């Protein structure tokens, strides 16, 4: 077997791993590069191999930095199956169609307002390409080996993180390898914990939080402080949030505050057409999370869900106090841009950043104290209070990843990916020092042969 890192190497985005064996090619994940412009431009570059030469894709989960390039791959000639868990298949239908719609919308907006350097800006892919992609999805049962052509077997195991998130264990002849995907937290209040790491010759592990520990602070307490402020000055609490996973976690925190009587007189709006669809999937996939059906109805019933563009525009014109949750989580696109333009300049409002903000995103700029943000070709002043919500992450931190690894057999080599360079380097150093494992932090397009020696130490 041979692995080539087509993405998530030296960056926390664009997960794409090429596996070659017995004349076959598969991809584990095929995500979008996000964040810095230099990274986003990679999405427009020619794919490093002919998409038509890929036999299959194994998808760890639905987040766009893992799945979002699939419609482009299909548009350029990939015709094979896309294997994933049942919940990932359901979530991908929501996310990929929304992503395509946003890209079509933004290309049209750029053409109409002339702020693109391209005379005729085009979307990376269309809704039609996303629909064709979804027809190639095939769901796989948990923990049951899937036999692929060329003698490869793939087993999908729970990774926690979000609904349907998987780690993927591969076996080809004598060689075994596991991809962690995005690893969830062992004591997440909503999501089921990650499965144990199976014995593996090679391990590819993410490092989003590889250099830090989540604060031991209740995120509901930080929200409570912002709620008191909003009630006092009639302000808006604007929360950029991923529609899948993060929004549902926020609603869980707000539900706990509502039970304590803290939300009186403060309406909650979720402005994301896909978010209400996602919440329905929690009832459809109960084994993926810890909530019972009644809790699901209560948690997700505290919000007013906004679907149409006219309703969203009305929200931007509405006065506070209110809590407004809107995609996307790192403010890279979508309706949150219009709300940030409407509410960001008022010091009585607050912008609450929930979870990781990748370098180069508007969310990272706000976290670093930016006084203005570029939206639709114009700079918008930011005078609202910017707050960080601690612990509002579905990723395991460095301590949690080490605790998970300590229970596993030692691999021949561990590859540290999907992290900013300091995070990846820190995790590699800790794994080497504390566990004695051999680690590599691969570079973009780095390629490695995977062989299993007859005798292992």
Protein backbone atom coordinates (compact mmCIF):
# COMPACT_ATOMS: atom_id res chain seq x y z
CA UNK A 1 0.00 0.00 0.00
CA UNK A 2 1.02 3.58 -0.63
CA UNK A 3 -0.44 6.77 0.84
CA UNK A 4 -0.16 10.26 -0.64
CA UNK A 5 -1.34 13.27 1.35
CA UNK A 6 -3.35 15.38 -1.08
CA UNK A 7 -4.61 17.62 1.72
CA UNK A 8 -4.74 18.21 5.51
CA UNK A 9 -0.92 18.32 5.49
CA UNK A 10 0.43 21.48 7.07
CA UNK A 11 -3.13 22.76 7.47
CA UNK A 12 -6.31 22.00 9.38
CA UNK A 13 -8.45 21.71 6.28
CA UNK A 14 -8.86 19.92 2.96
CA UNK A 15 -8.64 16.30 4.17
CA UNK A 16 -7.79 14.14 1.13
CA UNK A 17 -5.78 10.92 1.44
CA UNK A 18 -4.94 8.84 -1.62
CA UNK A 19 -4.41 5.10 -1.03
CA UNK A 20 -2.96 2.98 -3.84
CA UNK A 21 -2.85 -0.83 -3.78
CA UNK A 22 -2.95 -3.66 -6.32
CA UNK A 23 -3.41 -1.23 -9.20
CA UNK A 24 -6.36 0.41 -7.44
CA UNK A 25 -6.91 3.90 -6.06
CA UNK A 26 -9.21 5.03 -3.30
CA UNK A 27 -9.57 8.32 -1.47
CA UNK A 28 -10.22 8.61 2.23
CA UNK A 29 -12.15 11.92 2.40
CA UNK A 30 -12.24 14.57 -0.28
CA UNK A 31 -12.72 17.92 1.43
CA UNK A 32 -12.56 21.60 0.64
CA UNK A 33 -9.59 23.74 1.57
CA UNK A 34 -10.82 26.62 3.72
CA UNK A 35 -9.30 29.61 5.50
CA UNK A 36 -6.35 31.46 3.95
CA UNK A 37 -6.76 32.55 0.34
CA UNK A 38 -3.65 30.58 -0.61
CA UNK A 39 -5.42 27.46 0.66
CA UNK A 40 -8.80 28.24 -0.89
CA UNK A 41 -7.13 28.65 -4.27
CA UNK A 42 -6.14 24.98 -4.14
CA UNK A 43 -9.80 24.13 -4.67
CA UNK A 44 -9.51 25.67 -8.14
CA UNK A 45 -6.31 23.88 -9.04
CA UNK A 46 -6.26 20.77 -11.18
CA UNK A 47 -6.71 17.68 -9.01
CA UNK A 48 -3.33 15.93 -8.57
CA UNK A 49 -4.60 12.73 -10.20
CA UNK A 50 -7.28 12.05 -12.79
CA UNK A 51 -10.58 11.84 -10.87
CA UNK A 52 -11.70 9.12 -13.28
CA UNK A 53 -8.83 6.93 -12.01
CA UNK A 54 -10.26 6.82 -8.46
CA UNK A 55 -12.13 3.58 -7.78
CA UNK A 56 -13.98 4.65 -4.61
CA UNK A 57 -14.12 7.23 -1.83
CA UNK A 58 -14.35 6.36 1.86
CA UNK A 59 -15.85 9.29 3.74
CA UNK A 60 -15.25 9.77 7.49
CA UNK A 61 -17.98 12.37 8.01
CA UNK A 62 -20.04 15.09 6.39
CA UNK A 63 -18.24 18.32 7.33
CA UNK A 64 -17.20 20.20 4.20
CA UNK A 65 -13.47 20.14 4.97
CA UNK A 66 -13.81 16.37 4.57
CA UNK A 67 -16.60 16.05 1.98
CA UNK A 68 -16.98 19.38 0.23
CA UNK A 69 -14.82 18.73 -2.85
CA UNK A 70 -16.74 15.59 -3.83
CA UNK A 71 -19.09 17.32 -6.32
CA UNK A 72 -16.09 18.81 -8.11
CA UNK A 73 -14.44 15.37 -8.20
CA UNK A 74 -17.60 13.94 -9.74
CA UNK A 75 -17.90 16.84 -12.19
CA UNK A 76 -14.33 16.12 -13.35
CA UNK A 77 -14.95 12.44 -13.97
CA UNK A 78 -15.16 10.37 -10.78
CA UNK A 79 -17.89 7.75 -11.23
CA UNK A 80 -17.26 5.34 -8.36
CA UNK A 81 -19.11 4.73 -5.09
CA UNK A 82 -18.78 6.96 -2.02
CA UNK A 83 -18.99 4.80 1.11
CA UNK A 84 -19.95 6.21 4.51
CA UNK A 85 -22.17 5.64 7.54
CA UNK A 86 -25.92 6.03 7.19
CA UNK A 87 -26.04 9.29 9.18
CA UNK A 88 -23.14 10.72 7.15
CA UNK A 89 -25.07 9.97 3.98
CA UNK A 90 -28.11 11.83 5.34
CA UNK A 91 -26.04 14.79 6.53
CA UNK A 92 -24.07 14.99 3.28
CA UNK A 93 -27.31 15.41 1.34
CA UNK A 94 -28.04 18.52 3.40
CA UNK A 95 -24.51 19.92 3.45
CA UNK A 96 -23.45 19.36 -0.15
CA UNK A 97 -26.66 20.76 -1.63
CA UNK A 98 -26.37 23.79 0.65
CA UNK A 99 -22.70 24.26 -0.26
CA UNK A 100 -23.52 24.14 -3.98
CA UNK A 101 -26.40 26.58 -3.54
CA UNK A 102 -24.18 29.04 -1.63
CA UNK A 103 -21.46 28.83 -4.27
CA UNK A 104 -23.95 29.48 -7.06
CA UNK A 105 -25.39 32.38 -5.05
CA UNK A 106 -22.00 33.93 -4.30
CA UNK A 107 -20.85 33.62 -7.93
CA UNK A 108 -24.03 35.36 -9.05
CA UNK A 109 -23.59 38.05 -6.38
CA UNK A 110 -19.99 38.63 -7.47
CA UNK A 111 -21.06 38.94 -11.11
CA UNK A 112 -23.83 41.37 -10.23
CA UNK A 113 -21.72 43.59 -7.98
CA UNK A 114 -18.43 43.35 -9.88
CA UNK A 115 -16.13 42.68 -6.90
CA UNK A 116 -14.51 39.56 -8.37
CA UNK A 117 -11.27 39.87 -10.34
CA UNK A 118 -12.76 37.37 -12.82
CA UNK A 119 -14.91 38.74 -15.61
CA UNK A 120 -17.31 35.79 -15.29
CA UNK A 121 -16.94 34.22 -11.82
CA UNK A 122 -18.23 30.65 -11.69
CA UNK A 123 -19.04 28.40 -8.73
CA UNK A 124 -16.68 25.57 -7.88
CA UNK A 125 -19.63 23.27 -8.55
CA UNK A 126 -23.35 23.49 -9.09
CA UNK A 127 -26.42 22.06 -7.41
CA UNK A 128 -26.72 19.63 -10.34
CA UNK A 129 -23.19 18.32 -9.65
CA UNK A 130 -24.03 17.90 -5.96
CA UNK A 131 -27.19 15.97 -6.82
CA UNK A 132 -25.23 13.61 -9.07
CA UNK A 133 -22.67 13.12 -6.31
CA UNK A 134 -25.35 12.13 -3.82
CA UNK A 135 -26.55 9.41 -6.20
CA UNK A 136 -23.12 7.78 -5.82
CA UNK A 137 -23.34 7.51 -2.00
CA UNK A 138 -23.67 4.06 -0.41
CA UNK A 139 -24.15 3.62 3.34
CA UNK A 140 -22.16 1.05 5.32
CA UNK A 141 -23.04 -0.65 8.61
CA UNK A 142 -20.92 0.00 11.69
CA UNK A 143 -18.12 -2.48 12.46
CA UNK A 144 -18.86 -4.73 9.46
CA UNK A 145 -15.91 -5.13 7.03
CA UNK A 146 -16.65 -3.84 3.53
CA UNK A 147 -14.85 -5.81 0.79
CA UNK A 148 -13.54 -3.64 -2.06
CA UNK A 149 -11.94 -4.69 -5.32
CA UNK A 150 -8.23 -5.37 -5.10
CA UNK A 151 -8.43 -7.23 -1.80
CA UNK A 152 -8.97 -4.21 0.45
CA UNK A 153 -11.36 -4.38 3.41
CA UNK A 154 -12.65 -1.23 5.12
CA UNK A 155 -14.39 -1.12 8.50
CA UNK A 156 -16.23 1.96 9.74
CA UNK A 157 -16.08 2.60 13.52
CA UNK A 158 -17.60 5.40 15.56
CA UNK A 159 -15.46 8.52 16.00
CA UNK A 160 -17.92 10.62 18.01
CA UNK A 161 -17.59 14.26 16.85
CA UNK A 162 -20.91 14.60 14.92
CA UNK A 163 -23.70 12.32 13.75
CA UNK A 164 -22.28 9.49 11.67
CA UNK A 165 -18.63 10.47 12.14
CA UNK A 166 -16.35 7.49 11.53
CA UNK A 167 -12.82 6.36 11.86
CA UNK A 168 -11.91 3.99 9.04
CA UNK A 169 -9.83 0.84 9.49
CA UNK A 170 -8.24 -0.64 6.35
CA UNK A 171 -6.75 -4.10 5.79
CA UNK A 172 -4.90 -5.16 2.65
CA UNK A 173 -3.13 -8.51 2.79
CA UNK A 174 -0.91 -8.20 5.92
CA UNK A 175 -1.01 -4.41 6.26
CA UNK A 176 -3.53 -2.54 8.43
CA UNK A 177 -4.13 1.20 8.79
CA UNK A 178 -6.63 3.41 10.61
CA UNK A 179 -7.76 6.95 9.85
CA UNK A 180 -9.10 8.71 12.92
CA UNK A 181 -11.23 11.20 10.98
CA UNK A 182 -12.18 13.99 13.38
CA UNK A 183 -12.03 12.47 16.83
CA UNK A 184 -14.83 13.33 19.23
CA UNK A 185 -14.66 13.90 22.98
CA UNK A 186 -15.11 11.00 25.41
CA UNK A 187 -17.50 12.89 27.70
CA UNK A 188 -19.38 15.02 25.20
CA UNK A 189 -22.82 15.72 26.72
CA UNK A 190 -24.58 14.87 23.46
CA UNK A 191 -22.45 12.61 21.26
CA UNK A 192 -21.52 8.97 21.78
CA UNK A 193 -17.78 8.50 22.58
CA UNK A 194 -15.20 7.32 20.03
CA UNK A 195 -14.67 3.59 19.62
CA UNK A 196 -11.34 2.12 20.81
CA UNK A 197 -8.54 2.32 18.26
CA UNK A 198 -8.14 -1.13 16.64
CA UNK A 199 -4.62 -2.65 16.30
CA UNK A 200 -3.06 -0.91 13.30
CA UNK A 201 0.29 -0.95 11.56
CA UNK A 202 -0.22 2.66 10.50
CA UNK A 203 -2.31 5.45 12.00
CA UNK A 204 -3.37 8.77 10.47
CA UNK A 205 -4.68 11.04 13.21
CA UNK A 206 -6.05 14.56 13.19
CA UNK A 207 -4.46 17.31 15.36
CA UNK A 208 -6.92 20.21 15.36
CA UNK A 209 -6.38 20.70 19.10
CA UNK A 210 -3.02 18.96 19.24
CA UNK A 211 -1.32 21.78 21.13
CA UNK A 212 -3.98 22.69 23.68
CA UNK A 213 -6.41 21.53 26.31
CA UNK A 214 -10.04 22.59 26.38
CA UNK A 215 -10.78 24.97 29.22
CA UNK A 216 -12.46 23.37 32.22
CA UNK A 217 -15.30 25.88 32.04
CA UNK A 218 -19.00 25.36 31.45
CA UNK A 219 -19.85 27.04 28.11
CA UNK A 220 -23.36 27.66 29.42
CA UNK A 221 -21.85 30.00 32.04
CA UNK A 222 -20.28 32.19 29.33
CA UNK A 223 -23.56 32.20 27.43
CA UNK A 224 -25.36 33.19 30.62
CA UNK A 225 -23.15 36.27 30.94
CA UNK A 226 -23.90 37.32 27.38
CA UNK A 227 -27.61 36.73 27.97
CA UNK A 228 -27.61 39.04 30.99
CA UNK A 229 -25.85 41.70 28.91
CA UNK A 230 -28.33 41.35 26.03
CA UNK A 231 -31.30 41.65 28.37
CA UNK A 232 -29.80 44.74 29.96
CA UNK A 233 -29.07 46.70 26.80
CA UNK A 234 -31.50 45.16 24.32
CA UNK A 235 -28.67 43.74 22.26
CA UNK A 236 -28.33 40.88 19.81
CA UNK A 237 -26.15 37.86 20.54
CA UNK A 238 -24.90 36.73 17.12
CA UNK A 239 -23.41 33.24 17.10
CA UNK A 240 -21.71 31.99 13.91
CA UNK A 241 -22.11 28.23 14.00
CA UNK A 242 -21.79 25.15 11.85
CA UNK A 243 -25.27 23.85 11.11
CA UNK A 244 -24.13 20.28 11.76
CA UNK A 245 -23.03 19.48 15.30
CA UNK A 246 -22.16 22.91 16.68
CA UNK A 247 -25.66 24.38 16.36
CA UNK A 248 -27.20 21.40 18.12
CA UNK A 249 -24.62 21.64 20.91
CA UNK A 250 -25.43 25.33 21.37
CA UNK A 251 -29.13 24.55 21.54
CA UNK A 252 -28.36 21.96 24.23
CA UNK A 253 -26.58 24.64 26.30
CA UNK A 254 -29.42 27.11 25.80
CA UNK A 255 -31.94 24.42 26.75
CA UNK A 256 -30.10 23.91 30.05
CA UNK A 257 -30.24 27.68 30.66
CA UNK A 258 -33.93 27.75 29.80
CA UNK A 259 -34.59 25.04 32.37
CA UNK A 260 -32.84 27.30 34.91
CA UNK A 261 -35.11 30.21 33.96
CA UNK A 262 -32.36 32.25 32.27
CA UNK A 263 -33.90 32.68 28.79
CA UNK A 264 -37.10 34.50 29.78
CA UNK A 265 -37.95 37.19 27.23
CA UNK A 266 -35.04 36.29 24.96
CA UNK A 267 -36.08 34.53 21.74
CA UNK A 268 -33.68 32.15 19.99
CA UNK A 269 -33.50 32.09 16.19
CA UNK A 270 -31.61 29.59 14.06
CA UNK A 271 -31.12 31.10 10.61
CA UNK A 272 -29.95 28.13 8.60
CA UNK A 273 -32.26 26.24 6.27
CA UNK A 274 -30.32 23.06 6.86
CA UNK A 275 -30.18 23.23 10.67
CA UNK A 276 -33.80 22.22 11.20
CA UNK A 277 -33.31 19.32 8.77
CA UNK A 278 -30.23 18.25 10.73
CA UNK A 279 -32.09 18.23 14.03
CA UNK A 280 -34.62 15.78 12.56
CA UNK A 281 -31.74 13.36 11.98
CA UNK A 282 -31.05 13.12 15.71
CA UNK A 283 -34.38 11.31 16.03
CA UNK A 284 -33.55 9.13 13.02
CA UNK A 285 -30.11 8.08 14.33
CA UNK A 286 -30.54 7.68 18.11
CA UNK A 287 -27.56 5.35 18.60
CA UNK A 288 -25.16 8.11 17.48
CA UNK A 289 -25.89 10.35 20.48
CA UNK A 290 -26.91 10.36 24.14
CA UNK A 291 -30.30 12.14 23.96
CA UNK A 292 -33.58 10.27 24.25
CA UNK A 293 -36.45 11.22 21.88
CA UNK A 294 -38.15 13.50 24.42
CA UNK A 295 -34.93 15.36 25.13
CA UNK A 296 -34.36 15.80 21.38
CA UNK A 297 -37.77 17.43 21.02
CA UNK A 298 -37.19 19.72 23.99
CA UNK A 299 -33.63 20.73 23.09
CA UNK A 300 -34.36 21.50 19.46
CA UNK A 301 -37.78 22.96 20.20
CA UNK A 302 -36.46 26.06 22.00
CA UNK A 303 -35.56 27.83 18.74
CA UNK A 304 -37.47 29.48 15.91
CA UNK A 305 -36.09 28.11 12.63
CA UNK A 306 -35.70 30.49 9.70
CA UNK A 307 -35.75 29.03 6.21
CA UNK A 308 -36.51 31.64 3.56
CA UNK A 309 -34.31 34.50 2.41
CA UNK A 310 -37.09 36.99 3.20
CA UNK A 311 -37.32 35.72 6.78
CA UNK A 312 -33.54 36.03 7.08
CA UNK A 313 -33.63 39.63 5.81
CA UNK A 314 -36.33 40.40 8.35
CA UNK A 315 -34.08 39.09 11.11
CA UNK A 316 -31.28 41.43 10.04
CA UNK A 317 -33.74 44.33 10.38
CA UNK A 318 -35.10 43.14 13.74
CA UNK A 319 -34.12 44.79 17.02
CA UNK A 320 -32.88 42.92 20.09
CA UNK A 321 -32.78 41.43 22.53
CA UNK A 322 -32.45 38.07 20.82
CA UNK A 323 -30.04 35.22 20.21
CA UNK A 324 -29.32 34.59 16.53
CA UNK A 325 -27.43 31.44 15.48
CA UNK A 326 -26.43 31.37 11.81
CA UNK A 327 -24.04 29.44 9.56
CA UNK A 328 -21.14 29.29 8.97
CA UNK A 329 -19.05 28.61 12.07
CA UNK A 330 -15.91 30.42 10.87
CA UNK A 331 -17.88 33.11 8.97
CA UNK A 332 -16.61 31.90 5.60
CA UNK A 333 -19.95 32.35 3.81
CA UNK A 334 -23.71 32.10 4.05
CA UNK A 335 -26.32 34.19 5.83
CA UNK A 336 -24.05 35.01 8.76
CA UNK A 337 -22.30 37.54 6.51
CA UNK A 338 -25.48 39.59 6.13
CA UNK A 339 -26.15 39.46 9.88
CA UNK A 340 -22.58 40.45 10.70
CA UNK A 341 -22.92 43.43 8.40
CA UNK A 342 -26.21 44.38 10.12
CA UNK A 343 -25.21 43.86 13.76
CA UNK A 344 -21.41 43.97 13.92
CA UNK A 345 -21.15 47.75 14.13
CA UNK A 346 -23.33 48.18 17.25
CA UNK A 347 -21.47 48.01 20.60
CA UNK A 348 -24.64 46.88 22.39
CA UNK A 349 -24.49 43.61 20.42
CA UNK A 350 -22.19 40.63 20.95
CA UNK A 351 -20.56 38.13 18.60
CA UNK A 352 -19.93 34.77 20.28
CA UNK A 353 -17.35 32.58 18.53
CA UNK A 354 -18.05 28.91 19.19
CA UNK A 355 -15.16 26.53 18.63
CA UNK A 356 -12.10 26.47 16.39
CA UNK A 357 -11.42 29.37 14.01
CA UNK A 358 -9.00 28.43 11.22
CA UNK A 359 -6.29 30.85 10.21
CA UNK A 360 -7.37 33.21 7.44
CA UNK A 361 -11.10 33.02 8.21
CA UNK A 362 -13.19 35.98 9.32
CA UNK A 363 -13.78 34.15 12.59
CA UNK A 364 -10.04 34.04 13.27
CA UNK A 365 -9.76 37.74 12.41
CA UNK A 366 -12.47 38.58 14.95
CA UNK A 367 -10.83 36.37 17.58
CA UNK A 368 -7.60 38.30 17.01
CA UNK A 369 -9.32 41.65 17.58
CA UNK A 370 -9.98 42.87 14.03
CA UNK A 371 -11.80 46.22 13.99
CA UNK A 372 -13.25 45.63 10.53
CA UNK A 373 -14.07 42.62 8.38
CA UNK A 374 -14.29 42.41 4.59
CA UNK A 375 -17.73 41.27 3.45
CA UNK A 376 -18.85 41.25 -0.19
CA UNK A 377 -15.90 43.39 -1.22
CA UNK A 378 -16.40 46.05 1.47
CA UNK A 379 -14.96 46.54 4.95
CA UNK A 380 -17.55 46.43 7.73
CA UNK A 381 -16.64 48.02 11.10
CA UNK A 382 -16.84 45.73 14.15
CA UNK A 383 -17.81 47.46 17.40
CA UNK A 384 -19.86 44.63 18.93
CA UNK A 385 -18.34 42.73 21.86
CA UNK A 386 -16.48 39.65 20.63
CA UNK A 387 -16.52 36.68 23.01
CA UNK A 388 -15.20 33.14 22.84
CA UNK A 389 -17.33 30.24 24.05
CA UNK A 390 -15.01 27.83 25.91
CA UNK A 391 -15.26 24.08 25.39
CA UNK A 392 -17.73 24.51 22.53
CA UNK A 393 -15.82 22.07 20.36
CA UNK A 394 -16.62 18.59 19.12
CA UNK A 395 -12.90 17.76 18.72
CA UNK A 396 -10.89 15.89 21.33
CA UNK A 397 -8.13 18.01 22.83
CA UNK A 398 -4.50 16.91 23.18
CA UNK A 399 -5.00 15.23 26.57
CA UNK A 400 -8.09 13.39 25.35
CA UNK A 401 -6.30 12.17 22.23
CA UNK A 402 -3.34 10.90 24.28
CA UNK A 403 -5.70 9.09 26.67
CA UNK A 404 -7.38 7.42 23.67
CA UNK A 405 -4.04 6.41 22.16
CA UNK A 406 -2.67 4.97 25.43
CA UNK A 407 -5.25 2.18 25.28
CA UNK A 408 -4.11 1.09 21.80
CA UNK A 409 -1.33 -1.13 20.47
CA UNK A 410 1.71 0.72 19.15
CA UNK A 411 1.65 1.30 15.35
CA UNK A 412 4.71 1.09 13.15
CA UNK A 413 4.22 4.77 12.32
CA UNK A 414 1.73 7.51 13.15
CA UNK A 415 1.02 10.36 10.74
CA UNK A 416 -0.13 13.65 12.27
CA UNK A 417 -2.46 15.59 9.96
CA UNK A 418 -5.40 18.00 9.86
CA UNK A 419 -3.89 20.65 12.11
CA UNK A 420 -2.14 23.98 11.92
CA UNK A 421 1.65 23.37 11.95
CA UNK A 422 2.20 24.23 15.65
CA UNK A 423 -0.64 21.91 16.70
CA UNK A 424 0.59 19.01 14.56
CA UNK A 425 4.18 19.43 15.75
CA UNK A 426 3.11 19.58 19.40
CA UNK A 427 1.00 16.43 19.15
CA UNK A 428 3.79 14.54 17.36
CA UNK A 429 6.23 15.53 20.11
CA UNK A 430 3.87 14.44 22.89
CA UNK A 431 3.08 11.09 21.25
CA UNK A 432 6.80 10.47 20.75
CA UNK A 433 7.79 11.41 24.31
CA UNK A 434 4.85 9.96 26.25
CA UNK A 435 4.09 6.84 24.21
CA UNK A 436 7.39 6.20 22.43
CA UNK A 437 5.68 6.01 19.05
CA UNK A 438 7.35 6.98 15.78
CA UNK A 439 5.56 9.99 14.30
CA UNK A 440 5.66 11.84 10.99
CA UNK A 441 4.09 15.19 10.15
CA UNK A 442 3.69 14.84 6.37
CA UNK A 443 4.00 17.66 3.86
CA UNK A 444 1.49 18.39 1.12
CA UNK A 445 1.77 15.70 -1.58
CA UNK A 446 4.11 13.67 0.63
CA UNK A 447 4.00 9.95 -0.33
CA UNK A 448 4.86 6.93 1.83
CA UNK A 449 5.00 3.18 1.27
CA UNK A 450 3.16 1.03 3.80
CA UNK A 451 4.69 -2.38 4.37
CA UNK A 452 4.52 -4.64 7.37
CA UNK A 453 7.81 -6.23 8.45
CA UNK A 454 7.83 -9.92 9.27
CA UNK A 455 8.98 -9.19 12.83
CA UNK A 456 7.76 -6.16 14.74
CA UNK A 457 9.33 -4.64 17.85
